[in-house]
PDB file of N, CA and C in Angstrom:
ATOM      1  N   GLN A   1       0.514  -1.266  -0.155  1.00  0.00           N
ATOM      2  CA  GLN A   1       0.013  -0.064   0.225  1.00  0.00           C
ATOM      3  C   GLN A   1       0.820   0.983   0.394  1.00  0.00           C
ATOM      4  N   LEU A   2       0.384   2.169  -1.035  1.00  0.00           N
ATOM      5  CA  LEU A   2       0.885   3.407  -0.726  1.00  0.00           C
ATOM      6  C   LEU A   2       0.869   4.334   0.556  1.00  0.00           C
ATOM      7  N   GLN A   3       1.959   5.091   0.512  1.00  0.00           N
ATOM      8  CA  GLN A   3       1.713   5.924   1.729  1.00  0.00           C
ATOM      9  C   GLN A   3       1.424   7.672   0.471  1.00  0.00           C
ATOM     10  N   LEU A   4       0.756   8.479   1.304  1.00  0.00           N
ATOM     11  CA  LEU A   4       1.171   9.869   0.381  1.00  0.00           C
ATOM     12  C   LEU A   4       0.729  11.013   1.483  1.00  0.00           C
ATOM     13  N   VAL A   5       1.721  11.737   1.645  1.00  0.00           N
ATOM     14  CA  VAL A   5       1.961  12.870   2.560  1.00  0.00           C
ATOM     15  C   VAL A   5       1.691  14.524   1.806  1.00  0.00           C
ATOM     16  N   GLU A   6       0.626  14.863   2.235  1.00  0.00           N
ATOM     17  CA  GLU A   6       0.179  16.734   1.233  1.00  0.00           C
ATOM     18  C   GLU A   6       1.342  17.094   2.336  1.00  0.00           C
ATOM     19  N   SER A   7       1.612  18.273   1.813  1.00  0.00           N
ATOM     20  CA  SER A   7       1.502  19.407   2.496  1.00  0.00           C
ATOM     21  C   SER A   7       1.217  20.774   1.361  1.00  0.00           C
ATOM     22  N   GLY A   8       1.615  21.906   1.864  1.00  0.00           N
ATOM     23  CA  GLY A   8       1.777  22.702   0.918  1.00  0.00           C
ATOM     24  C   GLY A   8       0.367  24.378   1.426  1.00  0.00           C
ATOM     25  N   GLY A   9      -0.701  23.459   1.631  1.00  0.00           N
ATOM     26  CA  GLY A   9      -1.791  24.516   2.593  1.00  0.00           C
ATOM     27  C   GLY A   9      -1.318  25.014   3.295  1.00  0.00           C
ATOM     28  N   GLY A  10      -2.889  26.054   3.175  1.00  0.00           N
ATOM     29  CA  GLY A  10      -2.337  27.174   4.501  1.00  0.00           C
ATOM     30  C   GLY A  10      -3.530  28.794   3.899  1.00  0.00           C
ATOM     31  N   LEU A  11      -3.560  29.455   4.144  1.00  0.00           N
ATOM     32  CA  LEU A  11      -4.384  30.733   4.183  1.00  0.00           C
ATOM     33  C   LEU A  11      -3.979  32.146   3.453  1.00  0.00           C
ATOM     34  N   VAL A  12      -4.716  31.715   2.395  1.00  0.00           N
ATOM     35  CA  VAL A  12      -4.349  32.776   1.756  1.00  0.00           C
ATOM     36  C   VAL A  12      -5.140  33.504   1.088  1.00  0.00           C
ATOM     37  N   GLN A  13      -4.694  34.831   0.643  1.00  0.00           N
ATOM     38  CA  GLN A  13      -6.016  36.058   0.063  1.00  0.00           C
ATOM     39  C   GLN A  13      -7.152  35.327  -1.188  1.00  0.00           C
ATOM     40  N   ALA A  14      -8.071  35.758  -1.747  1.00  0.00           N
ATOM     41  CA  ALA A  14      -8.835  35.805  -2.959  1.00  0.00           C
ATOM     42  C   ALA A  14      -7.935  36.327  -4.098  1.00  0.00           C
ATOM     43  N   GLY A  15      -7.718  35.513  -4.900  1.00  0.00           N
ATOM     44  CA  GLY A  15      -6.906  35.929  -5.842  1.00  0.00           C
ATOM     45  C   GLY A  15      -5.495  35.703  -6.148  1.00  0.00           C
ATOM     46  N   GLY A  16      -4.934  35.171  -4.722  1.00  0.00           N
ATOM     47  CA  GLY A  16      -3.745  34.207  -4.510  1.00  0.00           C
ATOM     48  C   GLY A  16      -3.370  32.952  -5.591  1.00  0.00           C
ATOM     49  N   SER A  17      -2.095  32.155  -4.663  1.00  0.00           N
ATOM     50  CA  SER A  17      -2.051  31.441  -5.026  1.00  0.00           C
ATOM     51  C   SER A  17      -1.302  30.570  -4.011  1.00  0.00           C
ATOM     52  N   LEU A  18      -1.166  29.044  -4.446  1.00  0.00           N
ATOM     53  CA  LEU A  18      -0.861  28.007  -3.288  1.00  0.00           C
ATOM     54  C   LEU A  18       0.002  26.697  -4.256  1.00  0.00           C
ATOM     55  N   LYS A  19       1.246  26.665  -4.102  1.00  0.00           N
ATOM     56  CA  LYS A  19       1.171  24.872  -4.520  1.00  0.00           C
ATOM     57  C   LYS A  19       0.961  23.963  -3.821  1.00  0.00           C
ATOM     58  N   LEU A  20       0.803  23.011  -3.866  1.00  0.00           N
ATOM     59  CA  LEU A  20       0.542  21.655  -3.050  1.00  0.00           C
ATOM     60  C   LEU A  20       1.236  20.603  -3.469  1.00  0.00           C
ATOM     61  N   SER A  21       1.644  19.787  -2.503  1.00  0.00           N
ATOM     62  CA  SER A  21       2.862  18.678  -3.013  1.00  0.00           C
ATOM     63  C   SER A  21       2.308  17.404  -2.434  1.00  0.00           C
ATOM     64  N   CYS A  22       2.430  16.125  -2.740  1.00  0.00           N
ATOM     65  CA  CYS A  22       2.453  14.986  -2.207  1.00  0.00           C
ATOM     66  C   CYS A  22       3.175  14.475  -2.607  1.00  0.00           C
ATOM     67  N   VAL A  23       3.823  13.642  -1.287  1.00  0.00           N
ATOM     68  CA  VAL A  23       5.420  12.659  -1.813  1.00  0.00           C
ATOM     69  C   VAL A  23       4.751  11.123  -1.386  1.00  0.00           C
ATOM     70  N   VAL A  24       5.013  10.659  -2.342  1.00  0.00           N
ATOM     71  CA  VAL A  24       4.605   9.304  -2.488  1.00  0.00           C
ATOM     72  C   VAL A  24       5.335   8.125  -2.118  1.00  0.00           C
ATOM     73  N   SER A  25       5.382   6.948  -1.465  1.00  0.00           N
ATOM     74  CA  SER A  25       6.146   6.317  -1.406  1.00  0.00           C
ATOM     75  C   SER A  25       5.384   4.665  -0.792  1.00  0.00           C
ATOM     76  N   GLY A  26       6.374   3.680  -0.905  1.00  0.00           N
ATOM     77  CA  GLY A  26       5.629   2.430  -0.641  1.00  0.00           C
ATOM     78  C   GLY A  26       6.101   1.786  -2.022  1.00  0.00           C
ATOM     79  N   GLY A  27       5.746   2.093  -2.730  1.00  0.00           N
ATOM     80  CA  GLY A  27       5.862   1.552  -4.153  1.00  0.00           C
ATOM     81  C   GLY A  27       5.973   1.571  -5.066  1.00  0.00           C
ATOM     82  N   ARG A  28       6.059   1.148  -6.318  1.00  0.00           N
ATOM     83  CA  ARG A  28       6.455   1.715  -7.761  1.00  0.00           C
ATOM     84  C   ARG A  28       4.897   2.215  -8.096  1.00  0.00           C
ATOM     85  N   LEU A  29       5.187   3.001  -9.135  1.00  0.00           N
ATOM     86  CA  LEU A  29       3.734   3.561  -9.408  1.00  0.00           C
ATOM     87  C   LEU A  29       3.856   3.797 -10.893  1.00  0.00           C
ATOM     88  N   ASP A  30       4.243   2.696 -11.585  1.00  0.00           N
ATOM     89  CA  ASP A  30       4.167   2.958 -12.938  1.00  0.00           C
ATOM     90  C   ASP A  30       3.215   2.529 -13.828  1.00  0.00           C
ATOM     91  N   TYR A  31       1.951   2.373 -13.184  1.00  0.00           N
ATOM     92  CA  TYR A  31       0.813   1.925 -13.751  1.00  0.00           C
ATOM     93  C   TYR A  31      -0.420   2.607 -12.603  1.00  0.00           C
ATOM     94  N   TYR A  32       0.173   3.792 -12.085  1.00  0.00           N
ATOM     95  CA  TYR A  32      -0.797   4.096 -11.433  1.00  0.00           C
ATOM     96  C   TYR A  32      -0.879   5.719 -11.968  1.00  0.00           C
ATOM     97  N   ALA A  33      -2.388   6.350 -11.593  1.00  0.00           N
ATOM     98  CA  ALA A  33      -3.141   7.596 -11.679  1.00  0.00           C
ATOM     99  C   ALA A  33      -2.590   8.292 -10.430  1.00  0.00           C
ATOM    100  N   MET A  34      -2.283   9.115 -10.175  1.00  0.00           N
ATOM    101  CA  MET A  34      -2.920   9.962  -8.903  1.00  0.00           C
ATOM    102  C   MET A  34      -3.547  11.274  -9.079  1.00  0.00           C
ATOM    103  N   GLY A  35      -3.972  11.399  -7.875  1.00  0.00           N
ATOM    104  CA  GLY A  35      -5.037  12.591  -8.332  1.00  0.00           C
ATOM    105  C   GLY A  35      -5.340  13.498  -7.142  1.00  0.00           C
ATOM    106  N   TRP A  36      -5.971  14.356  -7.241  1.00  0.00           N
ATOM    107  CA  TRP A  36      -6.256  15.595  -6.638  1.00  0.00           C
ATOM    108  C   TRP A  36      -7.852  15.278  -6.455  1.00  0.00           C
ATOM    109  N   ILE A  37      -8.556  15.782  -4.819  1.00  0.00           N
ATOM    110  CA  ILE A  37      -9.768  15.485  -4.872  1.00  0.00           C
ATOM    111  C   ILE A  37      -9.441  16.573  -3.306  1.00  0.00           C
ATOM    112  N   ARG A  38     -10.865  17.281  -3.558  1.00  0.00           N
ATOM    113  CA  ARG A  38     -11.171  18.143  -2.647  1.00  0.00           C
ATOM    114  C   ARG A  38     -12.661  17.661  -1.600  1.00  0.00           C
ATOM    115  N   GLN A  39     -12.389  18.581  -0.553  1.00  0.00           N
ATOM    116  CA  GLN A  39     -13.874  18.228   0.278  1.00  0.00           C
ATOM    117  C   GLN A  39     -13.931  19.735   1.450  1.00  0.00           C
ATOM    118  N   ALA A  40     -14.898  19.755   0.801  1.00  0.00           N
ATOM    119  CA  ALA A  40     -15.153  21.832   1.535  1.00  0.00           C
ATOM    120  C   ALA A  40     -16.119  21.131   2.783  1.00  0.00           C
ATOM    121  N   PRO A  41     -16.218  22.147   3.656  1.00  0.00           N
ATOM    122  CA  PRO A  41     -17.342  21.775   4.850  1.00  0.00           C
ATOM    123  C   PRO A  41     -18.676  21.410   4.325  1.00  0.00           C
ATOM    124  N   GLY A  42     -19.456  20.036   4.703  1.00  0.00           N
ATOM    125  CA  GLY A  42     -20.648  19.697   4.181  1.00  0.00           C
ATOM    126  C   GLY A  42     -20.742  19.384   3.118  1.00  0.00           C
ATOM    127  N   ASN A  43     -19.652  19.359   2.337  1.00  0.00           N
ATOM    128  CA  ASN A  43     -19.753  18.689   1.166  1.00  0.00           C
ATOM    129  C   ASN A  43     -19.148  17.797   0.783  1.00  0.00           C
ATOM    130  N   ASP A  44     -19.732  16.899  -0.574  1.00  0.00           N
ATOM    131  CA  ASP A  44     -18.910  15.819  -0.694  1.00  0.00           C
ATOM    132  C   ASP A  44     -17.837  15.882  -1.416  1.00  0.00           C
ATOM    133  N   ARG A  45     -16.684  14.477  -1.571  1.00  0.00           N
ATOM    134  CA  ARG A  45     -15.373  14.535  -1.850  1.00  0.00           C
ATOM    135  C   ARG A  45     -15.717  15.195  -3.425  1.00  0.00           C
ATOM    136  N   GLU A  46     -15.305  16.167  -3.904  1.00  0.00           N
ATOM    137  CA  GLU A  46     -14.790  16.262  -5.477  1.00  0.00           C
ATOM    138  C   GLU A  46     -13.321  16.767  -5.854  1.00  0.00           C
ATOM    139  N   PHE A  47     -13.759  15.976  -7.454  1.00  0.00           N
ATOM    140  CA  PHE A  47     -12.341  15.591  -7.597  1.00  0.00           C
ATOM    141  C   PHE A  47     -12.179  16.385  -8.555  1.00  0.00           C
ATOM    142  N   VAL A  48     -10.818  17.142  -8.295  1.00  0.00           N
ATOM    143  CA  VAL A  48      -9.813  18.224  -8.771  1.00  0.00           C
ATOM    144  C   VAL A  48      -8.991  18.134 -10.468  1.00  0.00           C
ATOM    145  N   ALA A  49      -8.157  17.419 -10.003  1.00  0.00           N
ATOM    146  CA  ALA A  49      -7.358  16.984 -11.191  1.00  0.00           C
ATOM    147  C   ALA A  49      -6.588  15.265 -11.274  1.00  0.00           C
ATOM    148  N   ALA A  50      -6.281  15.020 -12.208  1.00  0.00           N
ATOM    149  CA  ALA A  50      -5.568  13.605 -12.004  1.00  0.00           C
ATOM    150  C   ALA A  50      -4.541  13.218 -12.938  1.00  0.00           C
ATOM    151  N   ILE A  51      -3.192  12.971 -12.955  1.00  0.00           N
ATOM    152  CA  ILE A  51      -2.292  12.683 -13.745  1.00  0.00           C
ATOM    153  C   ILE A  51      -1.773  11.147 -14.076  1.00  0.00           C
ATOM    154  N   ASN A  52      -1.750  10.789 -14.895  1.00  0.00           N
ATOM    155  CA  ASN A  52      -0.793   9.572 -15.126  1.00  0.00           C
ATOM    156  C   ASN A  52       0.607   9.267 -15.257  1.00  0.00           C
ATOM    157  N   TRP A  53       0.682   8.485 -13.944  1.00  0.00           N
ATOM    158  CA  TRP A  53       2.315   8.791 -13.393  1.00  0.00           C
ATOM    159  C   TRP A  53       3.427   8.578 -14.594  1.00  0.00           C
ATOM    160  N   ILE A  54       3.061   7.699 -15.547  1.00  0.00           N
ATOM    161  CA  ILE A  54       4.258   7.370 -16.918  1.00  0.00           C
ATOM    162  C   ILE A  54       4.079   8.174 -18.064  1.00  0.00           C
ATOM    163  N   THR A  55       2.860   8.891 -18.238  1.00  0.00           N
ATOM    164  CA  THR A  55       2.679   9.613 -19.841  1.00  0.00           C
ATOM    165  C   THR A  55       3.252  10.950 -18.996  1.00  0.00           C
ATOM    166  N   GLY A  56       2.233  11.540 -17.838  1.00  0.00           N
ATOM    167  CA  GLY A  56       2.408  12.653 -17.583  1.00  0.00           C
ATOM    168  C   GLY A  56       0.715  13.269 -17.993  1.00  0.00           C
ATOM    169  N   ASP A  57      -0.136  12.988 -19.013  1.00  0.00           N
ATOM    170  CA  ASP A  57      -0.913  13.029 -19.159  1.00  0.00           C
ATOM    171  C   ASP A  57      -2.073  13.231 -17.947  1.00  0.00           C
ATOM    172  N   THR A  58      -2.742  14.901 -17.943  1.00  0.00           N
ATOM    173  CA  THR A  58      -3.556  15.283 -17.254  1.00  0.00           C
ATOM    174  C   THR A  58      -4.984  15.263 -17.703  1.00  0.00           C
ATOM    175  N   ASN A  59      -6.079  14.879 -16.577  1.00  0.00           N
ATOM    176  CA  ASN A  59      -7.163  15.619 -17.208  1.00  0.00           C
ATOM    177  C   ASN A  59      -7.575  16.730 -15.733  1.00  0.00           C
ATOM    178  N   TYR A  60      -9.100  17.774 -15.792  1.00  0.00           N
ATOM    179  CA  TYR A  60      -9.372  18.602 -14.682  1.00  0.00           C
ATOM    180  C   TYR A  60     -11.095  18.462 -14.893  1.00  0.00           C
ATOM    181  N   ALA A  61     -11.239  18.886 -13.471  1.00  0.00           N
ATOM    182  CA  ALA A  61     -12.829  19.248 -13.194  1.00  0.00           C
ATOM    183  C   ALA A  61     -12.571  20.670 -14.243  1.00  0.00           C
ATOM    184  N   ASP A  62     -14.114  20.392 -14.945  1.00  0.00           N
ATOM    185  CA  ASP A  62     -14.252  21.533 -15.758  1.00  0.00           C
ATOM    186  C   ASP A  62     -13.925  23.402 -15.083  1.00  0.00           C
ATOM    187  N   VAL A  63     -14.379  22.733 -14.099  1.00  0.00           N
ATOM    188  CA  VAL A  63     -14.835  24.405 -13.451  1.00  0.00           C
ATOM    189  C   VAL A  63     -13.612  24.997 -12.810  1.00  0.00           C
ATOM    190  N   LEU A  64     -12.366  24.465 -13.011  1.00  0.00           N
ATOM    191  CA  LEU A  64     -10.763  24.724 -12.026  1.00  0.00           C
ATOM    192  C   LEU A  64      -9.770  24.467 -13.544  1.00  0.00           C
ATOM    193  N   LYS A  65     -10.464  24.102 -14.815  1.00  0.00           N
ATOM    194  CA  LYS A  65      -9.745  24.278 -16.122  1.00  0.00           C
ATOM    195  C   LYS A  65      -9.188  25.854 -16.164  1.00  0.00           C
ATOM    196  N   GLY A  66      -7.750  25.674 -15.930  1.00  0.00           N
ATOM    197  CA  GLY A  66      -7.192  27.303 -16.418  1.00  0.00           C
ATOM    198  C   GLY A  66      -6.540  27.457 -15.515  1.00  0.00           C
ATOM    199  N   ARG A  67      -7.370  27.060 -14.303  1.00  0.00           N
ATOM    200  CA  ARG A  67      -6.476  27.683 -13.073  1.00  0.00           C
ATOM    201  C   ARG A  67      -5.672  27.118 -12.143  1.00  0.00           C
ATOM    202  N   PHE A  68      -5.894  25.781 -12.239  1.00  0.00           N
ATOM    203  CA  PHE A  68      -5.360  24.621 -11.663  1.00  0.00           C
ATOM    204  C   PHE A  68      -4.499  23.880 -12.512  1.00  0.00           C
ATOM    205  N   THR A  69      -2.867  23.775 -12.111  1.00  0.00           N
ATOM    206  CA  THR A  69      -2.292  22.885 -12.692  1.00  0.00           C
ATOM    207  C   THR A  69      -1.509  21.703 -11.681  1.00  0.00           C
ATOM    208  N   VAL A  70      -1.741  20.092 -12.458  1.00  0.00           N
ATOM    209  CA  VAL A  70      -1.555  19.413 -12.141  1.00  0.00           C
ATOM    210  C   VAL A  70       0.122  18.834 -12.682  1.00  0.00           C
ATOM    211  N   SER A  71       1.115  18.444 -11.708  1.00  0.00           N
ATOM    212  CA  SER A  71       2.543  17.638 -12.348  1.00  0.00           C
ATOM    213  C   SER A  71       2.967  16.559 -11.319  1.00  0.00           C
ATOM    214  N   ARG A  72       3.814  16.087 -11.792  1.00  0.00           N
ATOM    215  CA  ARG A  72       4.166  14.895 -10.893  1.00  0.00           C
ATOM    216  C   ARG A  72       6.177  15.180 -11.311  1.00  0.00           C
ATOM    217  N   ASP A  73       6.826  14.590 -10.442  1.00  0.00           N
ATOM    218  CA  ASP A  73       7.886  14.841  -9.935  1.00  0.00           C
ATOM    219  C   ASP A  73       8.481  13.276 -10.316  1.00  0.00           C
ATOM    220  N   LYS A  74       9.110  12.827 -11.343  1.00  0.00           N
ATOM    221  CA  LYS A  74       8.958  11.266 -11.108  1.00  0.00           C
ATOM    222  C   LYS A  74      10.206  11.345 -10.261  1.00  0.00           C
ATOM    223  N   SER A  75      11.584  12.104 -10.322  1.00  0.00           N
ATOM    224  CA  SER A  75      12.856  11.976  -9.245  1.00  0.00           C
ATOM    225  C   SER A  75      12.466  11.907  -7.918  1.00  0.00           C
ATOM    226  N   ARG A  76      11.305  12.753  -7.741  1.00  0.00           N
ATOM    227  CA  ARG A  76      11.275  12.860  -6.438  1.00  0.00           C
ATOM    228  C   ARG A  76      10.113  12.171  -6.057  1.00  0.00           C
ATOM    229  N   LYS A  77       9.340  11.395  -6.887  1.00  0.00           N
ATOM    230  CA  LYS A  77       8.644  10.614  -6.289  1.00  0.00           C
ATOM    231  C   LYS A  77       7.083  11.814  -5.616  1.00  0.00           C
ATOM    232  N   THR A  78       6.995  12.625  -6.313  1.00  0.00           N
ATOM    233  CA  THR A  78       6.130  13.604  -5.523  1.00  0.00           C
ATOM    234  C   THR A  78       5.108  14.385  -6.975  1.00  0.00           C
ATOM    235  N   VAL A  79       4.106  14.551  -6.547  1.00  0.00           N
ATOM    236  CA  VAL A  79       2.957  15.383  -7.152  1.00  0.00           C
ATOM    237  C   VAL A  79       2.647  16.701  -6.859  1.00  0.00           C
ATOM    238  N   TYR A  80       2.243  17.429  -7.619  1.00  0.00           N
ATOM    239  CA  TYR A  80       1.797  18.768  -7.247  1.00  0.00           C
ATOM    240  C   TYR A  80       0.754  19.403  -7.763  1.00  0.00           C
ATOM    241  N   LEU A  81       0.092  20.103  -7.061  1.00  0.00           N
ATOM    242  CA  LEU A  81      -0.913  21.224  -7.821  1.00  0.00           C
ATOM    243  C   LEU A  81      -1.416  22.644  -7.339  1.00  0.00           C
ATOM    244  N   GLN A  82      -0.581  22.965  -8.922  1.00  0.00           N
ATOM    245  CA  GLN A  82      -0.409  24.599  -8.672  1.00  0.00           C
ATOM    246  C   GLN A  82      -1.527  25.615  -8.859  1.00  0.00           C
ATOM    247  N   MET A  83      -2.133  26.026  -7.832  1.00  0.00           N
ATOM    248  CA  MET A  83      -3.716  26.436  -7.633  1.00  0.00           C
ATOM    249  C   MET A  83      -3.181  28.158  -7.503  1.00  0.00           C
ATOM    250  N   SER A  84      -3.604  28.755  -8.723  1.00  0.00           N
ATOM    251  CA  SER A  84      -3.560  30.538  -8.992  1.00  0.00           C
ATOM    252  C   SER A  84      -5.071  30.941  -9.100  1.00  0.00           C
ATOM    253  N   ASN A  85      -5.689  32.329  -8.885  1.00  0.00           N
ATOM    254  CA  ASN A  85      -6.949  33.213  -8.634  1.00  0.00           C
ATOM    255  C   ASN A  85      -7.234  32.348  -8.072  1.00  0.00           C
ATOM    256  N   LEU A  86      -7.321  32.036  -6.566  1.00  0.00           N
ATOM    257  CA  LEU A  86      -7.852  31.225  -5.784  1.00  0.00           C
ATOM    258  C   LEU A  86      -9.374  32.302  -4.916  1.00  0.00           C
ATOM    259  N   SER A  87     -10.400  31.528  -4.908  1.00  0.00           N
ATOM    260  CA  SER A  87     -11.268  32.479  -4.503  1.00  0.00           C
ATOM    261  C   SER A  87     -11.678  31.641  -3.171  1.00  0.00           C
ATOM    262  N   PRO A  88     -12.858  32.140  -2.661  1.00  0.00           N
ATOM    263  CA  PRO A  88     -13.331  31.527  -0.912  1.00  0.00           C
ATOM    264  C   PRO A  88     -13.785  30.289  -1.351  1.00  0.00           C
ATOM    265  N   GLU A  89     -14.059  30.211  -3.047  1.00  0.00           N
ATOM    266  CA  GLU A  89     -14.689  28.826  -3.335  1.00  0.00           C
ATOM    267  C   GLU A  89     -14.196  27.792  -3.291  1.00  0.00           C
ATOM    268  N   ASP A  90     -12.457  27.883  -3.108  1.00  0.00           N
ATOM    269  CA  ASP A  90     -11.733  26.867  -3.339  1.00  0.00           C
ATOM    270  C   ASP A  90     -11.452  25.943  -1.702  1.00  0.00           C
ATOM    271  N   THR A  91     -12.092  26.864  -1.106  1.00  0.00           N
ATOM    272  CA  THR A  91     -11.206  26.654   0.344  1.00  0.00           C
ATOM    273  C   THR A  91     -12.074  25.468   0.972  1.00  0.00           C
ATOM    274  N   ALA A  92     -11.062  24.108   1.053  1.00  0.00           N
ATOM    275  CA  ALA A  92     -11.465  23.058   1.241  1.00  0.00           C
ATOM    276  C   ALA A  92      -9.839  22.070   1.538  1.00  0.00           C
ATOM    277  N   VAL A  93     -10.233  20.831   2.395  1.00  0.00           N
ATOM    278  CA  VAL A  93      -8.958  19.809   2.700  1.00  0.00           C
ATOM    279  C   VAL A  93      -9.024  19.095   0.788  1.00  0.00           C
ATOM    280  N   TYR A  94      -7.504  19.745   1.050  1.00  0.00           N
ATOM    281  CA  TYR A  94      -7.191  18.476  -0.566  1.00  0.00           C
ATOM    282  C   TYR A  94      -6.494  17.341  -0.110  1.00  0.00           C
ATOM    283  N   TYR A  95      -7.130  16.444  -0.993  1.00  0.00           N
ATOM    284  CA  TYR A  95      -6.484  15.032  -0.595  1.00  0.00           C
ATOM    285  C   TYR A  95      -5.231  14.889  -2.079  1.00  0.00           C
ATOM    286  N   CYS A  96      -4.201  14.223  -2.447  1.00  0.00           N
ATOM    287  CA  CYS A  96      -3.892  13.191  -2.726  1.00  0.00           C
ATOM    288  C   CYS A  96      -4.165  11.928  -2.967  1.00  0.00           C
ATOM    289  N   ALA A  97      -4.277  11.321  -3.803  1.00  0.00           N
ATOM    290  CA  ALA A  97      -5.219   9.892  -3.731  1.00  0.00           C
ATOM    291  C   ALA A  97      -4.054   9.123  -4.765  1.00  0.00           C
ATOM    292  N   ALA A  98      -4.534   8.138  -5.030  1.00  0.00           N
ATOM    293  CA  ALA A  98      -3.813   7.043  -6.051  1.00  0.00           C
ATOM    294  C   ALA A  98      -4.734   5.757  -6.623  1.00  0.00           C
ATOM    295  N   ARG A  99      -4.672   5.239  -7.480  1.00  0.00           N
ATOM    296  CA  ARG A  99      -5.345   4.599  -8.241  1.00  0.00           C
ATOM    297  C   ARG A  99      -4.507   3.546  -9.441  1.00  0.00           C
ATOM    298  N   ARG A 100      -4.094   2.205  -8.946  1.00  0.00           N
ATOM    299  CA  ARG A 100      -3.251   1.578 -10.272  1.00  0.00           C
ATOM    300  C   ARG A 100      -4.521   1.402 -11.194  1.00  0.00           C
ATOM    301  N   SER A 101      -4.472   2.158 -11.963  1.00  0.00           N
ATOM    302  CA  SER A 101      -4.978   2.236 -13.271  1.00  0.00           C
ATOM    303  C   SER A 101      -5.588   3.564 -14.003  1.00  0.00           C
ATOM    304  N   THR A 102      -5.980   3.188 -14.362  1.00  0.00           N
ATOM    305  CA  THR A 102      -5.787   4.852 -15.585  1.00  0.00           C
ATOM    306  C   THR A 102      -6.566   5.834 -14.334  1.00  0.00           C
ATOM    307  N   ARG A 103      -6.857   7.271 -15.092  1.00  0.00           N
ATOM    308  CA  ARG A 103      -7.257   8.713 -14.088  1.00  0.00           C
ATOM    309  C   ARG A 103      -8.723   8.083 -14.393  1.00  0.00           C
ATOM    310  N   SER A 104      -9.591   9.144 -13.054  1.00  0.00           N
ATOM    311  CA  SER A 104     -10.676   8.849 -12.624  1.00  0.00           C
ATOM    312  C   SER A 104     -11.172  10.092 -12.508  1.00  0.00           C
ATOM    313  N   ILE A 105     -12.256  10.545 -12.380  1.00  0.00           N
ATOM    314  CA  ILE A 105     -12.858  11.539 -11.804  1.00  0.00           C
ATOM    315  C   ILE A 105     -13.701  11.474 -11.171  1.00  0.00           C
ATOM    316  N   PHE A 106     -13.547  10.124 -10.496  1.00  0.00           N
ATOM    317  CA  PHE A 106     -14.587   9.565  -9.669  1.00  0.00           C
ATOM    318  C   PHE A 106     -13.771   9.292  -8.136  1.00  0.00           C
ATOM    319  N   PRO A 107     -14.035  10.010  -7.258  1.00  0.00           N
ATOM    320  CA  PRO A 107     -12.839  10.647  -5.704  1.00  0.00           C
ATOM    321  C   PRO A 107     -12.890   8.769  -5.438  1.00  0.00           C
ATOM    322  N   GLN A 108     -14.423   8.034  -5.476  1.00  0.00           N
ATOM    323  CA  GLN A 108     -14.093   6.276  -4.823  1.00  0.00           C
ATOM    324  C   GLN A 108     -14.033   5.967  -6.042  1.00  0.00           C
ATOM    325  N   GLU A 109     -13.063   5.861  -6.930  1.00  0.00           N
ATOM    326  CA  GLU A 109     -12.354   4.915  -7.621  1.00  0.00           C
ATOM    327  C   GLU A 109     -10.542   4.928  -7.023  1.00  0.00           C
ATOM    328  N   TYR A 110     -10.714   5.937  -6.206  1.00  0.00           N
ATOM    329  CA  TYR A 110      -9.165   5.944  -5.599  1.00  0.00           C
ATOM    330  C   TYR A 110      -8.727   5.230  -4.730  1.00  0.00           C
ATOM    331  N   THR A 111      -7.984   4.284  -4.202  1.00  0.00           N
ATOM    332  CA  THR A 111      -8.009   3.438  -3.362  1.00  0.00           C
ATOM    333  C   THR A 111      -6.615   3.761  -1.969  1.00  0.00           C
ATOM    334  N   ASP A 112      -6.091   4.594  -2.697  1.00  0.00           N
ATOM    335  CA  ASP A 112      -4.727   5.192  -1.578  1.00  0.00           C
ATOM    336  C   ASP A 112      -4.807   6.628  -1.314  1.00  0.00           C
ATOM    337  N   TRP A 113      -4.979   7.067   0.174  1.00  0.00           N
ATOM    338  CA  TRP A 113      -5.270   8.804   0.299  1.00  0.00           C
ATOM    339  C   TRP A 113      -4.445   9.132   1.384  1.00  0.00           C
ATOM    340  N   GLY A 114      -4.101  10.156   1.129  1.00  0.00           N
ATOM    341  CA  GLY A 114      -3.061  10.923   2.543  1.00  0.00           C
ATOM    342  C   GLY A 114      -4.296  11.700   3.069  1.00  0.00           C
ATOM    343  N   GLN A 115      -3.678  12.867   4.025  1.00  0.00           N
ATOM    344  CA  GLN A 115      -3.999  12.970   5.412  1.00  0.00           C
ATOM    345  C   GLN A 115      -5.255  14.275   5.150  1.00  0.00           C
ATOM    346  N   GLY A 116      -4.922  14.845   3.577  1.00  0.00           N
ATOM    347  CA  GLY A 116      -5.158  15.848   2.967  1.00  0.00           C
ATOM    348  C   GLY A 116      -4.467  17.306   3.815  1.00  0.00           C
ATOM    349  N   THR A 117      -4.221  18.079   3.281  1.00  0.00           N
ATOM    350  CA  THR A 117      -3.573  19.814   3.179  1.00  0.00           C
ATOM    351  C   THR A 117      -5.007  20.514   3.492  1.00  0.00           C
ATOM    352  N   GLU A 118      -5.154  21.625   4.708  1.00  0.00           N
ATOM    353  CA  GLU A 118      -6.144  22.483   4.338  1.00  0.00           C
ATOM    354  C   GLU A 118      -5.865  23.845   3.364  1.00  0.00           C
ATOM    355  N   VAL A 119      -6.735  24.190   2.750  1.00  0.00           N
ATOM    356  CA  VAL A 119      -6.664  25.234   2.141  1.00  0.00           C
ATOM    357  C   VAL A 119      -7.386  26.328   2.804  1.00  0.00           C
ATOM    358  N   THR A 120      -7.250  27.594   2.959  1.00  0.00           N
ATOM    359  CA  THR A 120      -8.181  28.782   2.910  1.00  0.00           C
ATOM    360  C   THR A 120      -8.117  29.692   2.311  1.00  0.00           C
ATOM    361  N   VAL A 121      -8.786  30.115   1.829  1.00  0.00           N
ATOM    362  CA  VAL A 121      -8.842  31.494   1.063  1.00  0.00           C
ATOM    363  C   VAL A 121     -10.301  32.600   1.452  1.00  0.00           C
ATOM    364  N   SER A 122      -9.515  33.453   2.092  1.00  0.00           N
ATOM    365  CA  SER A 122      -9.930  34.290   3.190  1.00  0.00           C
ATOM    366  C   SER A 122     -10.485  35.491   1.428  1.00  0.00           C
ATOM    367  N   THR A 123     -11.722  36.206   2.075  1.00  0.00           N
ATOM    368  CA  THR A 123     -11.914  37.112   0.572  1.00  0.00           C
ATOM    369  C   THR A 123     -11.150  38.683   1.526  1.00  0.00           C
TER     370      THR A 123
END
């Protein structure tokens, strides 16, 4: 089972940027897709972005496209989420997750999860 550790969350003003990191350990990632999923207070988990570990192919939630960018560094076994032009609606706990398959937009299809990092966007 993989271990995923997120970092980089915090408090930011509306319009600002943050870059989240997720360090992965515990196995090879050759056949994995990595996802970022967020959960706002009182809401269900929501797909943000995903990346294929080998090819680097990505996909995004339509409402976030253009503001968020997912990437990975194979040598560091780290996945990143660059977030820009943040708004209070982006306030949530952001989770890094993995699945040994193709990318998915469905949070329930991810099998390995980090503990989450909290992002708060103030007005």
